[in-house]
Amino acid sequence: NSGHMHILIDDDFVDPGDIIVNDATHLHFGKGQLSTTITLTAGIHVLRLQLADGAHMALDDPRLQDTITITASEKSGN
């Protein structure tokens, strides 16, 4: 009865029961992390939060998902 969250970058939610892969657009937070830094290209991006069990299997509960749309700007300075 344990699991963790994943951030999906510009990708749809994973279907319940399917495994959330670990790659550049599917970030895993299996060690209890509560924050991270994500580097994105300038423009509009959709970030999805999805919880999965300890084996990375997407859970079947829409309350365990959320979506935000952000606008990333180009880094200025150095």
PDB file of N, CA and C in Angstrom:
ATOM      1  N   ASN A   1       0.811  -1.196   0.000  1.00  0.00           N
ATOM      2  CA  ASN A   1       0.000   0.000   0.000  1.00  0.00           C
ATOM      3  C   ASN A   1       0.853   1.258   0.000  1.00  0.00           C
ATOM      4  N   SER A   2       1.877   1.259  -0.798  1.00  0.00           N
ATOM      5  CA  SER A   2       2.700   2.465  -0.912  1.00  0.00           C
ATOM      6  C   SER A   2       2.825   2.824  -2.384  1.00  0.00           C
ATOM      7  N   GLY A   3       3.203   4.033  -2.618  1.00  0.00           N
ATOM      8  CA  GLY A   3       3.383   4.494  -3.984  1.00  0.00           C
ATOM      9  C   GLY A   3       4.066   5.833  -3.976  1.00  0.00           C
ATOM     10  N   HIS A   4       4.055   6.472  -5.109  1.00  0.00           N
ATOM     11  CA  HIS A   4       4.716   7.769  -5.218  1.00  0.00           C
ATOM     12  C   HIS A   4       4.165   8.536  -6.411  1.00  0.00           C
ATOM     13  N   MET A   5       4.597   9.793  -6.509  1.00  0.00           N
ATOM     14  CA  MET A   5       4.079  10.640  -7.573  1.00  0.00           C
ATOM     15  C   MET A   5       5.040  10.680  -8.758  1.00  0.00           C
ATOM     16  N   HIS A   6       4.466  11.047  -9.886  1.00  0.00           N
ATOM     17  CA  HIS A   6       5.196  11.205 -11.133  1.00  0.00           C
ATOM     18  C   HIS A   6       4.755  12.516 -11.769  1.00  0.00           C
ATOM     19  N   ILE A   7       5.670  13.197 -12.432  1.00  0.00           N
ATOM     20  CA  ILE A   7       5.320  14.363 -13.229  1.00  0.00           C
ATOM     21  C   ILE A   7       5.518  13.988 -14.684  1.00  0.00           C
ATOM     22  N   LEU A   8       4.454  14.146 -15.462  1.00  0.00           N
ATOM     23  CA  LEU A   8       4.491  13.868 -16.892  1.00  0.00           C
ATOM     24  C   LEU A   8       4.560  15.201 -17.625  1.00  0.00           C
ATOM     25  N   ILE A   9       5.567  15.373 -18.443  1.00  0.00           N
ATOM     26  CA  ILE A   9       5.793  16.642 -19.133  1.00  0.00           C
ATOM     27  C   ILE A   9       5.283  16.526 -20.565  1.00  0.00           C
ATOM     28  N   ASP A  10       4.294  17.351 -20.893  1.00  0.00           N
ATOM     29  CA  ASP A  10       3.730  17.391 -22.249  1.00  0.00           C
ATOM     30  C   ASP A  10       3.324  16.006 -22.746  1.00  0.00           C
ATOM     31  N   ASP A  11       2.742  15.216 -21.862  1.00  0.00           N
ATOM     32  CA  ASP A  11       2.295  13.876 -22.224  1.00  0.00           C
ATOM     33  C   ASP A  11       0.978  13.603 -21.510  1.00  0.00           C
ATOM     34  N   ASP A  12       0.174  12.702 -22.059  1.00  0.00           N
ATOM     35  CA  ASP A  12      -1.113  12.356 -21.459  1.00  0.00           C
ATOM     36  C   ASP A  12      -0.906  11.481 -20.231  1.00  0.00           C
ATOM     37  N   PHE A  13      -1.948  11.398 -19.395  1.00  0.00           N
ATOM     38  CA  PHE A  13      -1.911  10.484 -18.269  1.00  0.00           C
ATOM     39  C   PHE A  13      -1.715   9.060 -18.777  1.00  0.00           C
ATOM     40  N   VAL A  14      -1.054   8.254 -17.977  1.00  0.00           N
ATOM     41  CA  VAL A  14      -0.893   6.836 -18.272  1.00  0.00           C
ATOM     42  C   VAL A  14      -2.183   6.137 -17.842  1.00  0.00           C
ATOM     43  N   ASP A  15      -2.655   5.208 -18.638  1.00  0.00           N
ATOM     44  CA  ASP A  15      -3.889   4.481 -18.320  1.00  0.00           C
ATOM     45  C   ASP A  15      -3.730   3.705 -17.016  1.00  0.00           C
ATOM     46  N   PRO A  16      -4.780   3.676 -16.205  1.00  0.00           N
ATOM     47  CA  PRO A  16      -4.722   2.899 -14.963  1.00  0.00           C
ATOM     48  C   PRO A  16      -4.308   1.457 -15.235  1.00  0.00           C
ATOM     49  N   GLY A  17      -3.402   0.958 -14.408  1.00  0.00           N
ATOM     50  CA  GLY A  17      -2.911  -0.408 -14.563  1.00  0.00           C
ATOM     51  C   GLY A  17      -1.671  -0.515 -15.420  1.00  0.00           C
ATOM     52  N   ASP A  18      -1.375   0.518 -16.221  1.00  0.00           N
ATOM     53  CA  ASP A  18      -0.159   0.517 -17.036  1.00  0.00           C
ATOM     54  C   ASP A  18       1.007   1.068 -16.215  1.00  0.00           C
ATOM     55  N   ILE A  19       2.198   0.690 -16.600  1.00  0.00           N
ATOM     56  CA  ILE A  19       3.411   1.130 -15.912  1.00  0.00           C
ATOM     57  C   ILE A  19       3.819   2.506 -16.430  1.00  0.00           C
ATOM     58  N   ILE A  20       4.179   3.396 -15.511  1.00  0.00           N
ATOM     59  CA  ILE A  20       4.709   4.702 -15.887  1.00  0.00           C
ATOM     60  C   ILE A  20       6.209   4.537 -16.094  1.00  0.00           C
ATOM     61  N   VAL A  21       6.660   4.722 -17.319  1.00  0.00           N
ATOM     62  CA  VAL A  21       8.079   4.547 -17.633  1.00  0.00           C
ATOM     63  C   VAL A  21       8.906   5.648 -16.974  1.00  0.00           C
ATOM     64  N   ASN A  22      10.188   5.436 -16.880  1.00  0.00           N
ATOM     65  CA  ASN A  22      11.103   6.418 -16.312  1.00  0.00           C
ATOM     66  C   ASN A  22      11.975   6.948 -17.439  1.00  0.00           C
ATOM     67  N   ASP A  23      11.629   8.144 -17.928  1.00  0.00           N
ATOM     68  CA  ASP A  23      12.416   8.765 -18.991  1.00  0.00           C
ATOM     69  C   ASP A  23      12.364  10.282 -18.820  1.00  0.00           C
ATOM     70  N   ALA A  24      12.818  11.011 -19.818  1.00  0.00           N
ATOM     71  CA  ALA A  24      12.949  12.473 -19.703  1.00  0.00           C
ATOM     72  C   ALA A  24      11.610  13.195 -19.544  1.00  0.00           C
ATOM     73  N   THR A  25      10.504  12.571 -19.962  1.00  0.00           N
ATOM     74  CA  THR A  25       9.205  13.232 -19.844  1.00  0.00           C
ATOM     75  C   THR A  25       8.306  12.603 -18.791  1.00  0.00           C
ATOM     76  N   HIS A  26       8.803  11.593 -18.096  1.00  0.00           N
ATOM     77  CA  HIS A  26       8.064  10.928 -17.017  1.00  0.00           C
ATOM     78  C   HIS A  26       8.995  10.887 -15.802  1.00  0.00           C
ATOM     79  N   LEU A  27       8.877  11.887 -14.943  1.00  0.00           N
ATOM     80  CA  LEU A  27       9.780  12.012 -13.802  1.00  0.00           C
ATOM     81  C   LEU A  27       9.211  11.271 -12.603  1.00  0.00           C
ATOM     82  N   HIS A  28      10.038  10.455 -11.959  1.00  0.00           N
ATOM     83  CA  HIS A  28       9.621   9.647 -10.814  1.00  0.00           C
ATOM     84  C   HIS A  28      10.111  10.273  -9.517  1.00  0.00           C
ATOM     85  N   PHE A  29       9.270  10.220  -8.503  1.00  0.00           N
ATOM     86  CA  PHE A  29       9.596  10.760  -7.184  1.00  0.00           C
ATOM     87  C   PHE A  29       9.421   9.666  -6.132  1.00  0.00           C
ATOM     88  N   GLY A  30      10.096   8.546  -6.345  1.00  0.00           N
ATOM     89  CA  GLY A  30       9.956   7.377  -5.495  1.00  0.00           C
ATOM     90  C   GLY A  30      10.729   7.419  -4.199  1.00  0.00           C
ATOM     91  N   LYS A  31      11.514   8.474  -3.994  1.00  0.00           N
ATOM     92  CA  LYS A  31      12.301   8.572  -2.761  1.00  0.00           C
ATOM     93  C   LYS A  31      11.733   9.633  -1.828  1.00  0.00           C
ATOM     94  N   GLY A  32      10.484  10.018  -2.075  1.00  0.00           N
ATOM     95  CA  GLY A  32       9.821  10.974  -1.199  1.00  0.00           C
ATOM     96  C   GLY A  32      10.140  12.432  -1.498  1.00  0.00           C
ATOM     97  N   GLN A  33      10.743  12.713  -2.644  1.00  0.00           N
ATOM     98  CA  GLN A  33      11.054  14.090  -3.000  1.00  0.00           C
ATOM     99  C   GLN A  33       9.775  14.920  -3.073  1.00  0.00           C
ATOM    100  N   LEU A  34       9.872  16.148  -2.616  1.00  0.00           N
ATOM    101  CA  LEU A  34       8.731  17.060  -2.678  1.00  0.00           C
ATOM    102  C   LEU A  34       8.979  18.223  -3.614  1.00  0.00           C
ATOM    103  N   SER A  35      10.180  18.321  -4.165  1.00  0.00           N
ATOM    104  CA  SER A  35      10.483  19.406  -5.094  1.00  0.00           C
ATOM    105  C   SER A  35      11.564  18.962  -6.065  1.00  0.00           C
ATOM    106  N   THR A  36      11.650  19.672  -7.158  1.00  0.00           N
ATOM    107  CA  THR A  36      12.672  19.414  -8.165  1.00  0.00           C
ATOM    108  C   THR A  36      12.798  20.643  -9.050  1.00  0.00           C
ATOM    109  N   THR A  37      13.810  20.682  -9.863  1.00  0.00           N
ATOM    110  CA  THR A  37      13.967  21.710 -10.888  1.00  0.00           C
ATOM    111  C   THR A  37      13.809  21.036 -12.245  1.00  0.00           C
ATOM    112  N   ILE A  38      12.956  21.593 -13.069  1.00  0.00           N
ATOM    113  CA  ILE A  38      12.716  21.061 -14.411  1.00  0.00           C
ATOM    114  C   ILE A  38      13.143  22.109 -15.418  1.00  0.00           C
ATOM    115  N   THR A  39      13.982  21.729 -16.358  1.00  0.00           N
ATOM    116  CA  THR A  39      14.404  22.632 -17.419  1.00  0.00           C
ATOM    117  C   THR A  39      13.541  22.358 -18.651  1.00  0.00           C
ATOM    118  N   LEU A  40      12.876  23.407 -19.125  1.00  0.00           N
ATOM    119  CA  LEU A  40      11.973  23.293 -20.264  1.00  0.00           C
ATOM    120  C   LEU A  40      12.353  24.305 -21.327  1.00  0.00           C
ATOM    121  N   THR A  41      12.001  24.028 -22.552  1.00  0.00           N
ATOM    122  CA  THR A  41      12.174  25.013 -23.612  1.00  0.00           C
ATOM    123  C   THR A  41      11.159  26.134 -23.405  1.00  0.00           C
ATOM    124  N   ALA A  42      11.456  27.299 -23.932  1.00  0.00           N
ATOM    125  CA  ALA A  42      10.529  28.422 -23.819  1.00  0.00           C
ATOM    126  C   ALA A  42       9.218  28.069 -24.515  1.00  0.00           C
ATOM    127  N   GLY A  43       8.113  28.439 -23.883  1.00  0.00           N
ATOM    128  CA  GLY A  43       6.803  28.191 -24.469  1.00  0.00           C
ATOM    129  C   GLY A  43       5.844  27.589 -23.458  1.00  0.00           C
ATOM    130  N   ILE A  44       4.708  27.171 -23.959  1.00  0.00           N
ATOM    131  CA  ILE A  44       3.651  26.612 -23.113  1.00  0.00           C
ATOM    132  C   ILE A  44       3.872  25.109 -22.949  1.00  0.00           C
ATOM    133  N   HIS A  45       3.738  24.652 -21.713  1.00  0.00           N
ATOM    134  CA  HIS A  45       3.907  23.230 -21.397  1.00  0.00           C
ATOM    135  C   HIS A  45       2.778  22.781 -20.474  1.00  0.00           C
ATOM    136  N   VAL A  46       2.414  21.505 -20.594  1.00  0.00           N
ATOM    137  CA  VAL A  46       1.421  20.913 -19.719  1.00  0.00           C
ATOM    138  C   VAL A  46       2.141  19.916 -18.812  1.00  0.00           C
ATOM    139  N   LEU A  47       1.984  20.118 -17.496  1.00  0.00           N
ATOM    140  CA  LEU A  47       2.559  19.205 -16.511  1.00  0.00           C
ATOM    141  C   LEU A  47       1.418  18.446 -15.851  1.00  0.00           C
ATOM    142  N   ARG A  48       1.562  17.135 -15.790  1.00  0.00           N
ATOM    143  CA  ARG A  48       0.538  16.305 -15.163  1.00  0.00           C
ATOM    144  C   ARG A  48       1.154  15.562 -13.983  1.00  0.00           C
ATOM    145  N   LEU A  49       0.474  15.590 -12.867  1.00  0.00           N
ATOM    146  CA  LEU A  49       0.864  14.850 -11.677  1.00  0.00           C
ATOM    147  C   LEU A  49       0.028  13.585 -11.639  1.00  0.00           C
ATOM    148  N   GLN A  50       0.699  12.435 -11.536  1.00  0.00           N
ATOM    149  CA  GLN A  50      -0.029  11.166 -11.489  1.00  0.00           C
ATOM    150  C   GLN A  50       0.616  10.261 -10.444  1.00  0.00           C
ATOM    151  N   LEU A  51      -0.204   9.702  -9.589  1.00  0.00           N
ATOM    152  CA  LEU A  51       0.290   8.782  -8.576  1.00  0.00           C
ATOM    153  C   LEU A  51       0.209   7.349  -9.075  1.00  0.00           C
ATOM    154  N   ALA A  52       1.185   6.556  -8.610  1.00  0.00           N
ATOM    155  CA  ALA A  52       1.252   5.147  -8.976  1.00  0.00           C
ATOM    156  C   ALA A  52       1.670   4.349  -7.751  1.00  0.00           C
ATOM    157  N   ASP A  53       1.509   3.036  -7.838  1.00  0.00           N
ATOM    158  CA  ASP A  53       1.907   2.192  -6.719  1.00  0.00           C
ATOM    159  C   ASP A  53       3.424   2.015  -6.699  1.00  0.00           C
ATOM    160  N   GLY A  54       3.912   1.218  -5.776  1.00  0.00           N
ATOM    161  CA  GLY A  54       5.354   1.026  -5.635  1.00  0.00           C
ATOM    162  C   GLY A  54       6.015   0.383  -6.843  1.00  0.00           C
ATOM    163  N   ALA A  55       5.228  -0.257  -7.705  1.00  0.00           N
ATOM    164  CA  ALA A  55       5.755  -0.874  -8.930  1.00  0.00           C
ATOM    165  C   ALA A  55       5.553   0.033 -10.139  1.00  0.00           C
ATOM    166  N   HIS A  56       5.209   1.301  -9.909  1.00  0.00           N
ATOM    167  CA  HIS A  56       5.008   2.310 -10.959  1.00  0.00           C
ATOM    168  C   HIS A  56       3.755   2.061 -11.797  1.00  0.00           C
ATOM    169  N   MET A  57       2.815   1.278 -11.285  1.00  0.00           N
ATOM    170  CA  MET A  57       1.564   1.032 -11.993  1.00  0.00           C
ATOM    171  C   MET A  57       0.599   2.167 -11.682  1.00  0.00           C
ATOM    172  N   ALA A  58       0.118   2.837 -12.729  1.00  0.00           N
ATOM    173  CA  ALA A  58      -0.791   3.970 -12.561  1.00  0.00           C
ATOM    174  C   ALA A  58      -2.053   3.539 -11.825  1.00  0.00           C
ATOM    175  N   LEU A  59      -2.447   4.336 -10.835  1.00  0.00           N
ATOM    176  CA  LEU A  59      -3.613   4.022 -10.029  1.00  0.00           C
ATOM    177  C   LEU A  59      -4.898   4.497 -10.702  1.00  0.00           C
ATOM    178  N   ASP A  60      -5.995   3.805 -10.405  1.00  0.00           N
ATOM    179  CA  ASP A  60      -7.282   4.082 -11.031  1.00  0.00           C
ATOM    180  C   ASP A  60      -8.138   4.943 -10.102  1.00  0.00           C
ATOM    181  N   ASP A  61      -7.754   6.218  -9.990  1.00  0.00           N
ATOM    182  CA  ASP A  61      -8.496   7.142  -9.139  1.00  0.00           C
ATOM    183  C   ASP A  61      -8.206   8.566  -9.627  1.00  0.00           C
ATOM    184  N   PRO A  62      -9.170   9.222 -10.251  1.00  0.00           N
ATOM    185  CA  PRO A  62      -8.934  10.559 -10.797  1.00  0.00           C
ATOM    186  C   PRO A  62      -8.552  11.587  -9.732  1.00  0.00           C
ATOM    187  N   ARG A  63      -8.806  11.293  -8.459  1.00  0.00           N
ATOM    188  CA  ARG A  63      -8.387  12.211  -7.392  1.00  0.00           C
ATOM    189  C   ARG A  63      -6.873  12.201  -7.211  1.00  0.00           C
ATOM    190  N   LEU A  64      -6.199  11.224  -7.824  1.00  0.00           N
ATOM    191  CA  LEU A  64      -4.752  11.095  -7.704  1.00  0.00           C
ATOM    192  C   LEU A  64      -4.040  11.631  -8.938  1.00  0.00           C
ATOM    193  N   GLN A  65      -4.717  12.525  -9.645  1.00  0.00           N
ATOM    194  CA  GLN A  65      -4.165  13.158 -10.847  1.00  0.00           C
ATOM    195  C   GLN A  65      -4.474  14.644 -10.807  1.00  0.00           C
ATOM    196  N   ASP A  66      -3.580  15.425 -11.405  1.00  0.00           N
ATOM    197  CA  ASP A  66      -3.845  16.858 -11.538  1.00  0.00           C
ATOM    198  C   ASP A  66      -3.060  17.366 -12.732  1.00  0.00           C
ATOM    199  N   THR A  67      -3.516  18.467 -13.301  1.00  0.00           N
ATOM    200  CA  THR A  67      -2.887  19.049 -14.483  1.00  0.00           C
ATOM    201  C   THR A  67      -2.720  20.542 -14.293  1.00  0.00           C
ATOM    202  N   ILE A  68      -1.563  21.063 -14.706  1.00  0.00           N
ATOM    203  CA  ILE A  68      -1.361  22.509 -14.781  1.00  0.00           C
ATOM    204  C   ILE A  68      -0.721  22.836 -16.119  1.00  0.00           C
ATOM    205  N   THR A  69      -1.019  24.013 -16.623  1.00  0.00           N
ATOM    206  CA  THR A  69      -0.394  24.521 -17.843  1.00  0.00           C
ATOM    207  C   THR A  69       0.465  25.703 -17.432  1.00  0.00           C
ATOM    208  N   ILE A  70       1.718  25.683 -17.883  1.00  0.00           N
ATOM    209  CA  ILE A  70       2.658  26.748 -17.529  1.00  0.00           C
ATOM    210  C   ILE A  70       3.267  27.355 -18.783  1.00  0.00           C
ATOM    211  N   THR A  71       3.814  28.553 -18.630  1.00  0.00           N
ATOM    212  CA  THR A  71       4.574  29.176 -19.709  1.00  0.00           C
ATOM    213  C   THR A  71       5.997  29.362 -19.220  1.00  0.00           C
ATOM    214  N   ALA A  72       6.932  28.714 -19.892  1.00  0.00           N
ATOM    215  CA  ALA A  72       8.353  28.844 -19.560  1.00  0.00           C
ATOM    216  C   ALA A  72       8.946  29.938 -20.436  1.00  0.00           C
ATOM    217  N   SER A  73       9.767  30.769 -19.832  1.00  0.00           N
ATOM    218  CA  SER A  73      10.422  31.834 -20.590  1.00  0.00           C
ATOM    219  C   SER A  73      11.901  31.504 -20.742  1.00  0.00           C
ATOM    220  N   GLU A  74      12.519  32.156 -21.702  1.00  0.00           N
ATOM    221  CA  GLU A  74      13.951  31.940 -21.891  1.00  0.00           C
ATOM    222  C   GLU A  74      14.707  32.524 -20.726  1.00  0.00           C
ATOM    223  N   LYS A  75      15.765  31.825 -20.334  1.00  0.00           N
ATOM    224  CA  LYS A  75      16.589  32.271 -19.217  1.00  0.00           C
ATOM    225  C   LYS A  75      17.379  33.495 -19.670  1.00  0.00           C
ATOM    226  N   SER A  76      17.386  34.512 -18.828  1.00  0.00           N
ATOM    227  CA  SER A  76      18.162  35.717 -19.147  1.00  0.00           C
ATOM    228  C   SER A  76      19.361  35.797 -18.226  1.00  0.00           C
ATOM    229  N   GLY A  77      20.318  36.587 -18.599  1.00  0.00           N
ATOM    230  CA  GLY A  77      21.498  36.766 -17.751  1.00  0.00           C
ATOM    231  C   GLY A  77      22.664  35.981 -18.288  1.00  0.00           C
ATOM    232  N   ASN A  78      23.468  35.450 -17.367  1.00  0.00           N
ATOM    233  CA  ASN A  78      24.729  34.791 -17.726  1.00  0.00           C
ATOM    234  C   ASN A  78      24.487  33.772 -18.757  1.00  0.00           C
TER     235      ASN A  78
END
